[in-house]
Structures are given as C-alpha cells and as structure tokens.
Amino acid sequence: MPVAAESLQKHTSAGLTPERSLTQRMDALQRANDIRTRRAKLKKDLKAGRVKIYKLLLDPPEYVLTMKVVDLLLAVPKYGRVKAQRVFTHCRISPSKTISGLSERQRNELIEVLRR
C-alpha cells in the first residue's frame, strides 16, 4: 500500500477526518464567511423590525437552518436572555436547539408565542 493511502486509511479508521485540499478548505471558508455575513445582516434586520421572526421561522432560508434558536431570538427587540428562557420553557425547547432541529410542534408553539 502506498504511504499516502496508508496515512489516509489511518486517519479515517481512527475516526479522524481525511485531509482536505487547499481548494476544499478555501471553498469551505468562503461558504462559512458568506453564512456569517448573511446571518449578521439578518440579525440587524430583525433588530430594526424589517424582518419578523415568526415569518422567518415559517420558511427559514438555508443559511439559517443551522443557527441556534436562541441567537435568532436574542436579535429580536425586547427579547433578552430571561425572556428568551421563558419562551423556551413555555414551548419546551432546549436553548441549544437549531432552527432545523425544531419539531413541528415546537416551531408552531414558538411562532404562536412570538406573534403576540
């Protein structure tokens, strides 16, 4: 077995991720930067009232799916950590939950609470 293949086999069998090429790493970095930029703009729009969080939860864009619900909620005016925790307790949602990880029931309850 060639040395490079043997090295790759050791990495994958040990549970480590395989090496990525420079191009792959740069593409991943570009995607991550794009997502961060779009999320920052979304948070500003939420803070300014240009976007309603319940509408966002009804049909979330792809770049929001892996975002934590707490980060999104904290961007909404008049919602701090205490109020957000009350909402999570009421809707039975873990603060570490992501948007895509919400069940249908959790999503609907959260939308109802946020529409008030």
PDB file of N, CA and C in Angstrom:
ATOM      1  N   MET A   1       0.854  -1.177   0.000  1.00  0.00           N
ATOM      2  CA  MET A   1       0.000   0.000   0.000  1.00  0.00           C
ATOM      3  C   MET A   1       0.898   1.237   0.000  1.00  0.00           C
ATOM      4  N   PRO A   2       0.636   2.231  -0.873  1.00  0.00           N
ATOM      5  CA  PRO A   2       1.444   3.452  -0.875  1.00  0.00           C
ATOM      6  C   PRO A   2       1.313   4.189   0.459  1.00  0.00           C
ATOM      7  N   VAL A   3       2.317   4.999   0.769  1.00  0.00           N
ATOM      8  CA  VAL A   3       2.361   5.706   2.052  1.00  0.00           C
ATOM      9  C   VAL A   3       1.169   6.637   2.216  1.00  0.00           C
ATOM     10  N   ALA A   4       0.801   7.392   1.165  1.00  0.00           N
ATOM     11  CA  ALA A   4      -0.316   8.339   1.257  1.00  0.00           C
ATOM     12  C   ALA A   4      -1.629   7.608   1.536  1.00  0.00           C
ATOM     13  N   ALA A   5      -1.855   6.501   0.869  1.00  0.00           N
ATOM     14  CA  ALA A   5      -3.084   5.734   1.081  1.00  0.00           C
ATOM     15  C   ALA A   5      -3.110   5.139   2.480  1.00  0.00           C
ATOM     16  N   GLU A   6      -1.938   4.670   2.937  1.00  0.00           N
ATOM     17  CA  GLU A   6      -1.842   4.122   4.283  1.00  0.00           C
ATOM     18  C   GLU A   6      -2.148   5.200   5.321  1.00  0.00           C
ATOM     19  N   SER A   7      -1.629   6.403   5.096  1.00  0.00           N
ATOM     20  CA  SER A   7      -1.868   7.525   6.006  1.00  0.00           C
ATOM     21  C   SER A   7      -3.351   7.885   6.042  1.00  0.00           C
ATOM     22  N   LEU A   8      -3.984   7.916   4.864  1.00  0.00           N
ATOM     23  CA  LEU A   8      -5.404   8.238   4.775  1.00  0.00           C
ATOM     24  C   LEU A   8      -6.230   7.184   5.501  1.00  0.00           C
ATOM     25  N   GLN A   9      -5.849   5.917   5.331  1.00  0.00           N
ATOM     26  CA  GLN A   9      -6.579   4.844   5.987  1.00  0.00           C
ATOM     27  C   GLN A   9      -6.467   4.965   7.504  1.00  0.00           C
ATOM     28  N   LYS A  10      -5.293   5.338   8.010  1.00  0.00           N
ATOM     29  CA  LYS A  10      -5.116   5.512   9.443  1.00  0.00           C
ATOM     30  C   LYS A  10      -6.016   6.622   9.953  1.00  0.00           C
ATOM     31  N   HIS A  11      -6.095   7.730   9.204  1.00  0.00           N
ATOM     32  CA  HIS A  11      -6.929   8.856   9.630  1.00  0.00           C
ATOM     33  C   HIS A  11      -8.405   8.481   9.668  1.00  0.00           C
ATOM     34  N   THR A  12      -8.867   7.814   8.626  1.00  0.00           N
ATOM     35  CA  THR A  12     -10.300   7.502   8.577  1.00  0.00           C
ATOM     36  C   THR A  12     -10.662   6.381   9.535  1.00  0.00           C
ATOM     37  N   SER A  13      -9.786   5.415   9.722  1.00  0.00           N
ATOM     38  CA  SER A  13     -10.123   4.322  10.628  1.00  0.00           C
ATOM     39  C   SER A  13     -10.032   4.748  12.088  1.00  0.00           C
ATOM     40  N   ALA A  14      -9.252   5.774  12.371  1.00  0.00           N
ATOM     41  CA  ALA A  14      -9.117   6.257  13.747  1.00  0.00           C
ATOM     42  C   ALA A  14     -10.234   7.234  14.097  1.00  0.00           C
ATOM     43  N   GLY A  15     -11.137   7.519  13.136  1.00  0.00           N
ATOM     44  CA  GLY A  15     -12.235   8.429  13.412  1.00  0.00           C
ATOM     45  C   GLY A  15     -11.911   9.882  13.092  1.00  0.00           C
ATOM     46  N   LEU A  16     -10.728  10.130  12.567  1.00  0.00           N
ATOM     47  CA  LEU A  16     -10.365  11.496  12.200  1.00  0.00           C
ATOM     48  C   LEU A  16     -10.857  11.782  10.794  1.00  0.00           C
ATOM     49  N   THR A  17     -11.054  13.046  10.498  1.00  0.00           N
ATOM     50  CA  THR A  17     -11.498  13.401   9.153  1.00  0.00           C
ATOM     51  C   THR A  17     -10.317  13.358   8.198  1.00  0.00           C
ATOM     52  N   PRO A  18     -10.562  13.002   6.947  1.00  0.00           N
ATOM     53  CA  PRO A  18      -9.466  12.965   5.988  1.00  0.00           C
ATOM     54  C   PRO A  18      -8.963  14.373   5.682  1.00  0.00           C
ATOM     55  N   GLU A  19      -7.733  14.437   5.228  1.00  0.00           N
ATOM     56  CA  GLU A  19      -7.148  15.722   4.864  1.00  0.00           C
ATOM     57  C   GLU A  19      -7.946  16.345   3.726  1.00  0.00           C
ATOM     58  N   ARG A  20      -8.045  17.667   3.748  1.00  0.00           N
ATOM     59  CA  ARG A  20      -8.715  18.376   2.661  1.00  0.00           C
ATOM     60  C   ARG A  20      -7.670  19.127   1.851  1.00  0.00           C
ATOM     61  N   SER A  21      -7.970  19.286   0.591  1.00  0.00           N
ATOM     62  CA  SER A  21      -7.052  20.051  -0.258  1.00  0.00           C
ATOM     63  C   SER A  21      -7.215  21.531   0.059  1.00  0.00           C
ATOM     64  N   LEU A  22      -6.266  22.316  -0.366  1.00  0.00           N
ATOM     65  CA  LEU A  22      -6.320  23.760  -0.140  1.00  0.00           C
ATOM     66  C   LEU A  22      -7.585  24.345  -0.772  1.00  0.00           C
ATOM     67  N   THR A  23      -7.926  23.874  -1.961  1.00  0.00           N
ATOM     68  CA  THR A  23      -9.126  24.368  -2.643  1.00  0.00           C
ATOM     69  C   THR A  23     -10.377  24.053  -1.837  1.00  0.00           C
ATOM     70  N   GLN A  24     -10.454  22.844  -1.304  1.00  0.00           N
ATOM     71  CA  GLN A  24     -11.616  22.466  -0.494  1.00  0.00           C
ATOM     72  C   GLN A  24     -11.707  23.319   0.764  1.00  0.00           C
ATOM     73  N   ARG A  25     -10.566  23.559   1.403  1.00  0.00           N
ATOM     74  CA  ARG A  25     -10.561  24.384   2.622  1.00  0.00           C
ATOM     75  C   ARG A  25     -10.959  25.824   2.307  1.00  0.00           C
ATOM     76  N   MET A  26     -10.473  26.351   1.203  1.00  0.00           N
ATOM     77  CA  MET A  26     -10.814  27.728   0.831  1.00  0.00           C
ATOM     78  C   MET A  26     -12.294  27.857   0.468  1.00  0.00           C
ATOM     79  N   ASP A  27     -12.840  26.844  -0.198  1.00  0.00           N
ATOM     80  CA  ASP A  27     -14.278  26.847  -0.525  1.00  0.00           C
ATOM     81  C   ASP A  27     -15.118  26.820   0.756  1.00  0.00           C
ATOM     82  N   ALA A  28     -14.717  25.973   1.709  1.00  0.00           N
ATOM     83  CA  ALA A  28     -15.439  25.878   2.981  1.00  0.00           C
ATOM     84  C   ALA A  28     -15.352  27.200   3.742  1.00  0.00           C
ATOM     85  N   LEU A  29     -14.186  27.812   3.730  1.00  0.00           N
ATOM     86  CA  LEU A  29     -14.011  29.107   4.399  1.00  0.00           C
ATOM     87  C   LEU A  29     -14.888  30.173   3.757  1.00  0.00           C
ATOM     88  N   GLN A  30     -14.952  30.186   2.443  1.00  0.00           N
ATOM     89  CA  GLN A  30     -15.786  31.159   1.730  1.00  0.00           C
ATOM     90  C   GLN A  30     -17.263  30.964   2.070  1.00  0.00           C
ATOM     91  N   ARG A  31     -17.719  29.696   2.101  1.00  0.00           N
ATOM     92  CA  ARG A  31     -19.122  29.418   2.451  1.00  0.00           C
ATOM     93  C   ARG A  31     -19.419  29.863   3.885  1.00  0.00           C
ATOM     94  N   ALA A  32     -18.501  29.574   4.796  1.00  0.00           N
ATOM     95  CA  ALA A  32     -18.692  29.961   6.197  1.00  0.00           C
ATOM     96  C   ALA A  32     -18.743  31.477   6.338  1.00  0.00           C
ATOM     97  N   ASN A  33     -17.874  32.178   5.646  1.00  0.00           N
ATOM     98  CA  ASN A  33     -17.884  33.648   5.700  1.00  0.00           C
ATOM     99  C   ASN A  33     -19.172  34.214   5.115  1.00  0.00           C
ATOM    100  N   ASP A  34     -19.648  33.619   4.041  1.00  0.00           N
ATOM    101  CA  ASP A  34     -20.897  34.059   3.417  1.00  0.00           C
ATOM    102  C   ASP A  34     -22.068  33.876   4.384  1.00  0.00           C
ATOM    103  N   ILE A  35     -22.111  32.720   5.047  1.00  0.00           N
ATOM    104  CA  ILE A  35     -23.187  32.445   6.012  1.00  0.00           C
ATOM    105  C   ILE A  35     -23.132  33.433   7.164  1.00  0.00           C
ATOM    106  N   ARG A  36     -21.929  33.692   7.703  1.00  0.00           N
ATOM    107  CA  ARG A  36     -21.794  34.646   8.815  1.00  0.00           C
ATOM    108  C   ARG A  36     -22.253  36.042   8.420  1.00  0.00           C
ATOM    109  N   THR A  37     -21.896  36.462   7.207  1.00  0.00           N
ATOM    110  CA  THR A  37     -22.295  37.790   6.722  1.00  0.00           C
ATOM    111  C   THR A  37     -23.813  37.882   6.583  1.00  0.00           C
ATOM    112  N   ARG A  38     -24.416  36.855   6.007  1.00  0.00           N
ATOM    113  CA  ARG A  38     -25.869  36.860   5.814  1.00  0.00           C
ATOM    114  C   ARG A  38     -26.609  36.822   7.150  1.00  0.00           C
ATOM    115  N   ARG A  39     -26.081  36.048   8.114  1.00  0.00           N
ATOM    116  CA  ARG A  39     -26.711  35.992   9.437  1.00  0.00           C
ATOM    117  C   ARG A  39     -26.585  37.324  10.163  1.00  0.00           C
ATOM    118  N   ALA A  40     -25.458  37.990  10.023  1.00  0.00           N
ATOM    119  CA  ALA A  40     -25.274  39.299  10.663  1.00  0.00           C
ATOM    120  C   ALA A  40     -26.279  40.301  10.097  1.00  0.00           C
ATOM    121  N   LYS A  41     -26.470  40.289   8.783  1.00  0.00           N
ATOM    122  CA  LYS A  41     -27.448  41.188   8.161  1.00  0.00           C
ATOM    123  C   LYS A  41     -28.860  40.855   8.643  1.00  0.00           C
ATOM    124  N   LEU A  42     -29.161  39.567   8.736  1.00  0.00           N
ATOM    125  CA  LEU A  42     -30.478  39.137   9.214  1.00  0.00           C
ATOM    126  C   LEU A  42     -30.726  39.627  10.637  1.00  0.00           C
ATOM    127  N   LYS A  43     -29.722  39.514  11.502  1.00  0.00           N
ATOM    128  CA  LYS A  43     -29.867  39.979  12.888  1.00  0.00           C
ATOM    129  C   LYS A  43     -30.117  41.477  12.933  1.00  0.00           C
ATOM    130  N   LYS A  44     -29.425  42.246  12.094  1.00  0.00           N
ATOM    131  CA  LYS A  44     -29.656  43.693  12.030  1.00  0.00           C
ATOM    132  C   LYS A  44     -31.074  43.993  11.564  1.00  0.00           C
ATOM    133  N   ASP A  45     -31.542  43.235  10.566  1.00  0.00           N
ATOM    134  CA  ASP A  45     -32.906  43.427  10.062  1.00  0.00           C
ATOM    135  C   ASP A  45     -33.947  43.065  11.117  1.00  0.00           C
ATOM    136  N   LEU A  46     -33.688  42.018  11.897  1.00  0.00           N
ATOM    137  CA  LEU A  46     -34.592  41.658  12.995  1.00  0.00           C
ATOM    138  C   LEU A  46     -34.611  42.765  14.040  1.00  0.00           C
ATOM    139  N   LYS A  47     -33.443  43.253  14.397  1.00  0.00           N
ATOM    140  CA  LYS A  47     -33.324  44.307  15.408  1.00  0.00           C
ATOM    141  C   LYS A  47     -34.059  45.578  14.959  1.00  0.00           C
ATOM    142  N   ALA A  48     -33.977  45.883  13.659  1.00  0.00           N
ATOM    143  CA  ALA A  48     -34.613  47.083  13.115  1.00  0.00           C
ATOM    144  C   ALA A  48     -36.098  46.879  12.827  1.00  0.00           C
ATOM    145  N   GLY A  49     -36.590  45.657  12.918  1.00  0.00           N
ATOM    146  CA  GLY A  49     -38.001  45.396  12.665  1.00  0.00           C
ATOM    147  C   GLY A  49     -38.351  45.219  11.201  1.00  0.00           C
ATOM    148  N   ARG A  50     -37.343  45.113  10.336  1.00  0.00           N
ATOM    149  CA  ARG A  50     -37.601  44.925   8.900  1.00  0.00           C
ATOM    150  C   ARG A  50     -37.990  43.485   8.580  1.00  0.00           C
ATOM    151  N   VAL A  51     -37.641  42.553   9.471  1.00  0.00           N
ATOM    152  CA  VAL A  51     -37.977  41.138   9.296  1.00  0.00           C
ATOM    153  C   VAL A  51     -38.683  40.683  10.567  1.00  0.00           C
ATOM    154  N   LYS A  52     -39.749  39.929  10.412  1.00  0.00           N
ATOM    155  CA  LYS A  52     -40.478  39.367  11.553  1.00  0.00           C
ATOM    156  C   LYS A  52     -39.985  37.948  11.790  1.00  0.00           C
ATOM    157  N   ILE A  53     -39.658  37.636  13.028  1.00  0.00           N
ATOM    158  CA  ILE A  53     -39.088  36.331  13.350  1.00  0.00           C
ATOM    159  C   ILE A  53     -40.061  35.197  13.062  1.00  0.00           C
ATOM    160  N   TYR A  54     -41.335  35.397  13.297  1.00  0.00           N
ATOM    161  CA  TYR A  54     -42.279  34.298  13.052  1.00  0.00           C
ATOM    162  C   TYR A  54     -42.390  33.983  11.566  1.00  0.00           C
ATOM    163  N   LYS A  55     -42.252  34.987  10.698  1.00  0.00           N
ATOM    164  CA  LYS A  55     -42.263  34.728   9.252  1.00  0.00           C
ATOM    165  C   LYS A  55     -41.003  33.964   8.848  1.00  0.00           C
ATOM    166  N   LEU A  56     -39.904  34.298   9.493  1.00  0.00           N
ATOM    167  CA  LEU A  56     -38.636  33.626   9.235  1.00  0.00           C
ATOM    168  C   LEU A  56     -38.703  32.154   9.659  1.00  0.00           C
ATOM    169  N   LEU A  57     -39.368  31.894  10.790  1.00  0.00           N
ATOM    170  CA  LEU A  57     -39.496  30.524  11.278  1.00  0.00           C
ATOM    171  C   LEU A  57     -40.433  29.685  10.405  1.00  0.00           C
ATOM    172  N   LEU A  58     -41.409  30.333   9.770  1.00  0.00           N
ATOM    173  CA  LEU A  58     -42.327  29.611   8.884  1.00  0.00           C
ATOM    174  C   LEU A  58     -41.606  29.055   7.661  1.00  0.00           C
ATOM    175  N   ASP A  59     -40.673  29.851   7.110  1.00  0.00           N
ATOM    176  CA  ASP A  59     -39.954  29.435   5.909  1.00  0.00           C
ATOM    177  C   ASP A  59     -38.507  29.907   6.005  1.00  0.00           C
ATOM    178  N   PRO A  60     -37.689  29.212   6.801  1.00  0.00           N
ATOM    179  CA  PRO A  60     -36.314  29.669   7.002  1.00  0.00           C
ATOM    180  C   PRO A  60     -35.428  29.443   5.773  1.00  0.00           C
ATOM    181  N   PRO A  61     -34.619  30.451   5.427  1.00  0.00           N
ATOM    182  CA  PRO A  61     -33.656  30.238   4.336  1.00  0.00           C
ATOM    183  C   PRO A  61     -32.593  29.230   4.769  1.00  0.00           C
ATOM    184  N   GLU A  62     -31.897  28.669   3.811  1.00  0.00           N
ATOM    185  CA  GLU A  62     -30.921  27.610   4.090  1.00  0.00           C
ATOM    186  C   GLU A  62     -29.830  28.050   5.065  1.00  0.00           C
ATOM    187  N   TYR A  63     -29.359  29.299   4.944  1.00  0.00           N
ATOM    188  CA  TYR A  63     -28.261  29.752   5.800  1.00  0.00           C
ATOM    189  C   TYR A  63     -28.676  29.933   7.268  1.00  0.00           C
ATOM    190  N   VAL A  64     -29.960  29.836   7.551  1.00  0.00           N
ATOM    191  CA  VAL A  64     -30.458  29.988   8.919  1.00  0.00           C
ATOM    192  C   VAL A  64     -30.681  28.623   9.590  1.00  0.00           C
ATOM    193  N   LEU A  65     -30.777  27.575   8.824  1.00  0.00           N
ATOM    194  CA  LEU A  65     -31.153  26.261   9.353  1.00  0.00           C
ATOM    195  C   LEU A  65     -30.242  25.754  10.465  1.00  0.00           C
ATOM    196  N   THR A  66     -28.950  26.025  10.386  1.00  0.00           N
ATOM    197  CA  THR A  66     -28.021  25.527  11.405  1.00  0.00           C
ATOM    198  C   THR A  66     -27.783  26.542  12.525  1.00  0.00           C
ATOM    199  N   MET A  67     -28.515  27.631  12.502  1.00  0.00           N
ATOM    200  CA  MET A  67     -28.392  28.673  13.526  1.00  0.00           C
ATOM    201  C   MET A  67     -29.159  28.257  14.778  1.00  0.00           C
ATOM    202  N   LYS A  68     -28.647  28.612  15.928  1.00  0.00           N
ATOM    203  CA  LYS A  68     -29.338  28.306  17.186  1.00  0.00           C
ATOM    204  C   LYS A  68     -30.544  29.240  17.324  1.00  0.00           C
ATOM    205  N   VAL A  69     -31.641  28.686  17.827  1.00  0.00           N
ATOM    206  CA  VAL A  69     -32.873  29.457  18.004  1.00  0.00           C
ATOM    207  C   VAL A  69     -32.624  30.617  18.970  1.00  0.00           C
ATOM    208  N   VAL A  70     -31.836  30.388  20.005  1.00  0.00           N
ATOM    209  CA  VAL A  70     -31.567  31.437  20.999  1.00  0.00           C
ATOM    210  C   VAL A  70     -30.863  32.628  20.352  1.00  0.00           C
ATOM    211  N   ASP A  71     -29.927  32.396  19.433  1.00  0.00           N
ATOM    212  CA  ASP A  71     -29.236  33.501  18.769  1.00  0.00           C
ATOM    213  C   ASP A  71     -30.195  34.332  17.940  1.00  0.00           C
ATOM    214  N   LEU A  72     -31.135  33.671  17.305  1.00  0.00           N
ATOM    215  CA  LEU A  72     -32.126  34.372  16.499  1.00  0.00           C
ATOM    216  C   LEU A  72     -33.071  35.173  17.393  1.00  0.00           C
ATOM    217  N   LEU A  73     -33.517  34.560  18.474  1.00  0.00           N
ATOM    218  CA  LEU A  73     -34.459  35.218  19.376  1.00  0.00           C
ATOM    219  C   LEU A  73     -33.830  36.427  20.069  1.00  0.00           C
ATOM    220  N   LEU A  74     -32.558  36.334  20.419  1.00  0.00           N
ATOM    221  CA  LEU A  74     -31.889  37.451  21.091  1.00  0.00           C
ATOM    222  C   LEU A  74     -31.703  38.660  20.173  1.00  0.00           C
ATOM    223  N   ALA A  75     -31.837  38.463  18.867  1.00  0.00           N
ATOM    224  CA  ALA A  75     -31.727  39.577  17.930  1.00  0.00           C
ATOM    225  C   ALA A  75     -33.030  40.360  17.816  1.00  0.00           C
ATOM    226  N   VAL A  76     -34.108  39.807  18.363  1.00  0.00           N
ATOM    227  CA  VAL A  76     -35.416  40.469  18.298  1.00  0.00           C
ATOM    228  C   VAL A  76     -35.496  41.527  19.399  1.00  0.00           C
ATOM    229  N   PRO A  77     -35.991  42.723  19.054  1.00  0.00           N
ATOM    230  CA  PRO A  77     -36.128  43.763  20.082  1.00  0.00           C
ATOM    231  C   PRO A  77     -37.003  43.292  21.245  1.00  0.00           C
ATOM    232  N   LYS A  78     -36.637  43.697  22.443  1.00  0.00           N
ATOM    233  CA  LYS A  78     -37.346  43.398  23.692  1.00  0.00           C
ATOM    234  C   LYS A  78     -37.178  41.954  24.157  1.00  0.00           C
ATOM    235  N   TYR A  79     -36.277  41.195  23.531  1.00  0.00           N
ATOM    236  CA  TYR A  79     -36.009  39.829  23.975  1.00  0.00           C
ATOM    237  C   TYR A  79     -34.560  39.736  24.444  1.00  0.00           C
ATOM    238  N   GLY A  80     -34.425  39.480  25.740  1.00  0.00           N
ATOM    239  CA  GLY A  80     -33.112  39.248  26.314  1.00  0.00           C
ATOM    240  C   GLY A  80     -33.030  37.802  26.752  1.00  0.00           C
ATOM    241  N   ARG A  81     -32.012  37.477  27.499  1.00  0.00           N
ATOM    242  CA  ARG A  81     -31.810  36.087  27.931  1.00  0.00           C
ATOM    243  C   ARG A  81     -32.952  35.579  28.816  1.00  0.00           C
ATOM    244  N   VAL A  82     -33.451  36.420  29.725  1.00  0.00           N
ATOM    245  CA  VAL A  82     -34.504  35.983  30.654  1.00  0.00           C
ATOM    246  C   VAL A  82     -35.805  35.713  29.901  1.00  0.00           C
ATOM    247  N   LYS A  83     -36.215  36.657  29.061  1.00  0.00           N
ATOM    248  CA  LYS A  83     -37.456  36.482  28.307  1.00  0.00           C
ATOM    249  C   LYS A  83     -37.339  35.303  27.330  1.00  0.00           C
ATOM    250  N   ALA A  84     -36.171  35.155  26.719  1.00  0.00           N
ATOM    251  CA  ALA A  84     -35.951  34.039  25.802  1.00  0.00           C
ATOM    252  C   ALA A  84     -36.060  32.710  26.553  1.00  0.00           C
ATOM    253  N   GLN A  85     -35.498  32.653  27.752  1.00  0.00           N
ATOM    254  CA  GLN A  85     -35.571  31.425  28.554  1.00  0.00           C
ATOM    255  C   GLN A  85     -37.009  31.086  28.918  1.00  0.00           C
ATOM    256  N   ARG A  86     -37.816  32.112  29.209  1.00  0.00           N
ATOM    257  CA  ARG A  86     -39.235  31.880  29.500  1.00  0.00           C
ATOM    258  C   ARG A  86     -39.955  31.285  28.291  1.00  0.00           C
ATOM    259  N   VAL A  87     -39.641  31.817  27.114  1.00  0.00           N
ATOM    260  CA  VAL A  87     -40.255  31.317  25.880  1.00  0.00           C
ATOM    261  C   VAL A  87     -39.852  29.860  25.665  1.00  0.00           C
ATOM    262  N   PHE A  88     -38.571  29.550  25.852  1.00  0.00           N
ATOM    263  CA  PHE A  88     -38.099  28.178  25.663  1.00  0.00           C
ATOM    264  C   PHE A  88     -38.761  27.223  26.647  1.00  0.00           C
ATOM    265  N   THR A  89     -38.910  27.662  27.881  1.00  0.00           N
ATOM    266  CA  THR A  89     -39.554  26.824  28.894  1.00  0.00           C
ATOM    267  C   THR A  89     -41.021  26.591  28.526  1.00  0.00           C
ATOM    268  N   HIS A  90     -41.716  27.660  28.134  1.00  0.00           N
ATOM    269  CA  HIS A  90     -43.126  27.563  27.755  1.00  0.00           C
ATOM    270  C   HIS A  90     -43.317  26.616  26.558  1.00  0.00           C
ATOM    271  N   CYS A  91     -42.434  26.713  25.572  1.00  0.00           N
ATOM    272  CA  CYS A  91     -42.556  25.915  24.347  1.00  0.00           C
ATOM    273  C   CYS A  91     -41.833  24.569  24.443  1.00  0.00           C
ATOM    274  N   ARG A  92     -41.208  24.311  25.586  1.00  0.00           N
ATOM    275  CA  ARG A  92     -40.443  23.079  25.799  1.00  0.00           C
ATOM    276  C   ARG A  92     -39.391  22.872  24.712  1.00  0.00           C
ATOM    277  N   ILE A  93     -38.531  23.895  24.582  1.00  0.00           N
ATOM    278  CA  ILE A  93     -37.449  23.882  23.597  1.00  0.00           C
ATOM    279  C   ILE A  93     -36.128  24.040  24.337  1.00  0.00           C
ATOM    280  N   SER A  94     -35.157  23.228  23.982  1.00  0.00           N
ATOM    281  CA  SER A  94     -33.816  23.352  24.550  1.00  0.00           C
ATOM    282  C   SER A  94     -33.143  24.592  23.972  1.00  0.00           C
ATOM    283  N   PRO A  95     -32.456  25.391  24.794  1.00  0.00           N
ATOM    284  CA  PRO A  95     -31.758  26.582  24.281  1.00  0.00           C
ATOM    285  C   PRO A  95     -30.674  26.251  23.256  1.00  0.00           C
ATOM    286  N   SER A  96     -30.209  25.020  23.223  1.00  0.00           N
ATOM    287  CA  SER A  96     -29.164  24.643  22.272  1.00  0.00           C
ATOM    288  C   SER A  96     -29.734  24.158  20.932  1.00  0.00           C
ATOM    289  N   LYS A  97     -31.058  24.183  20.798  1.00  0.00           N
ATOM    290  CA  LYS A  97     -31.723  23.684  19.591  1.00  0.00           C
ATOM    291  C   LYS A  97     -31.441  24.594  18.394  1.00  0.00           C
ATOM    292  N   THR A  98     -31.248  23.983  17.228  1.00  0.00           N
ATOM    293  CA  THR A  98     -31.085  24.763  15.996  1.00  0.00           C
ATOM    294  C   THR A  98     -32.443  24.918  15.315  1.00  0.00           C
ATOM    295  N   ILE A  99     -32.521  25.827  14.367  1.00  0.00           N
ATOM    296  CA  ILE A  99     -33.778  26.069  13.646  1.00  0.00           C
ATOM    297  C   ILE A  99     -34.245  24.785  12.953  1.00  0.00           C
ATOM    298  N   SER A 100     -33.329  24.087  12.288  1.00  0.00           N
ATOM    299  CA  SER A 100     -33.733  22.860  11.585  1.00  0.00           C
ATOM    300  C   SER A 100     -34.058  21.727  12.556  1.00  0.00           C
ATOM    301  N   GLY A 101     -33.603  21.830  13.803  1.00  0.00           N
ATOM    302  CA  GLY A 101     -33.857  20.793  14.784  1.00  0.00           C
ATOM    303  C   GLY A 101     -35.182  20.922  15.503  1.00  0.00           C
ATOM    304  N   LEU A 102     -35.934  21.989  15.221  1.00  0.00           N
ATOM    305  CA  LEU A 102     -37.235  22.176  15.858  1.00  0.00           C
ATOM    306  C   LEU A 102     -38.245  21.180  15.298  1.00  0.00           C
ATOM    307  N   SER A 103     -39.033  20.591  16.191  1.00  0.00           N
ATOM    308  CA  SER A 103     -40.120  19.728  15.719  1.00  0.00           C
ATOM    309  C   SER A 103     -41.250  20.633  15.224  1.00  0.00           C
ATOM    310  N   GLU A 104     -42.191  20.042  14.553  1.00  0.00           N
ATOM    311  CA  GLU A 104     -43.337  20.817  14.042  1.00  0.00           C
ATOM    312  C   GLU A 104     -44.092  21.474  15.198  1.00  0.00           C
ATOM    313  N   ARG A 105     -44.293  20.715  16.288  1.00  0.00           N
ATOM    314  CA  ARG A 105     -44.981  21.254  17.463  1.00  0.00           C
ATOM    315  C   ARG A 105     -44.203  22.429  18.054  1.00  0.00           C
ATOM    316  N   GLN A 106     -42.907  22.274  18.233  1.00  0.00           N
ATOM    317  CA  GLN A 106     -42.088  23.334  18.806  1.00  0.00           C
ATOM    318  C   GLN A 106     -42.111  24.580  17.924  1.00  0.00           C
ATOM    319  N   ARG A 107     -41.985  24.375  16.629  1.00  0.00           N
ATOM    320  CA  ARG A 107     -41.989  25.501  15.685  1.00  0.00           C
ATOM    321  C   ARG A 107     -43.325  26.252  15.763  1.00  0.00           C
ATOM    322  N   ASN A 108     -44.432  25.505  15.764  1.00  0.00           N
ATOM    323  CA  ASN A 108     -45.756  26.140  15.812  1.00  0.00           C
ATOM    324  C   ASN A 108     -45.986  26.886  17.126  1.00  0.00           C
ATOM    325  N   GLU A 109     -45.592  26.278  18.249  1.00  0.00           N
ATOM    326  CA  GLU A 109     -45.742  26.942  19.547  1.00  0.00           C
ATOM    327  C   GLU A 109     -44.904  28.207  19.608  1.00  0.00           C
ATOM    328  N   LEU A 110     -43.681  28.125  19.116  1.00  0.00           N
ATOM    329  CA  LEU A 110     -42.787  29.275  19.131  1.00  0.00           C
ATOM    330  C   LEU A 110     -43.356  30.407  18.274  1.00  0.00           C
ATOM    331  N   ILE A 111     -43.875  30.073  17.121  1.00  0.00           N
ATOM    332  CA  ILE A 111     -44.477  31.085  16.239  1.00  0.00           C
ATOM    333  C   ILE A 111     -45.668  31.736  16.939  1.00  0.00           C
ATOM    334  N   GLU A 112     -46.524  30.934  17.590  1.00  0.00           N
ATOM    335  CA  GLU A 112     -47.679  31.483  18.306  1.00  0.00           C
ATOM    336  C   GLU A 112     -47.252  32.473  19.393  1.00  0.00           C
ATOM    337  N   VAL A 113     -46.254  32.082  20.171  1.00  0.00           N
ATOM    338  CA  VAL A 113     -45.779  32.952  21.263  1.00  0.00           C
ATOM    339  C   VAL A 113     -45.191  34.245  20.709  1.00  0.00           C
ATOM    340  N   LEU A 114     -44.441  34.154  19.614  1.00  0.00           N
ATOM    341  CA  LEU A 114     -43.776  35.333  19.057  1.00  0.00           C
ATOM    342  C   LEU A 114     -44.718  36.260  18.291  1.00  0.00           C
ATOM    343  N   ARG A 115     -45.858  35.755  17.878  1.00  0.00           N
ATOM    344  CA  ARG A 115     -46.838  36.609  17.168  1.00  0.00           C
ATOM    345  C   ARG A 115     -47.567  37.541  18.119  1.00  0.00           C
ATOM    346  N   ARG A 116     -47.590  37.237  19.413  1.00  0.00           N
ATOM    347  CA  ARG A 116     -48.328  38.042  20.393  1.00  0.00           C
ATOM    348  C   ARG A 116     -47.727  39.418  20.543  1.00  0.00           C
TER     349      ARG A 116
END
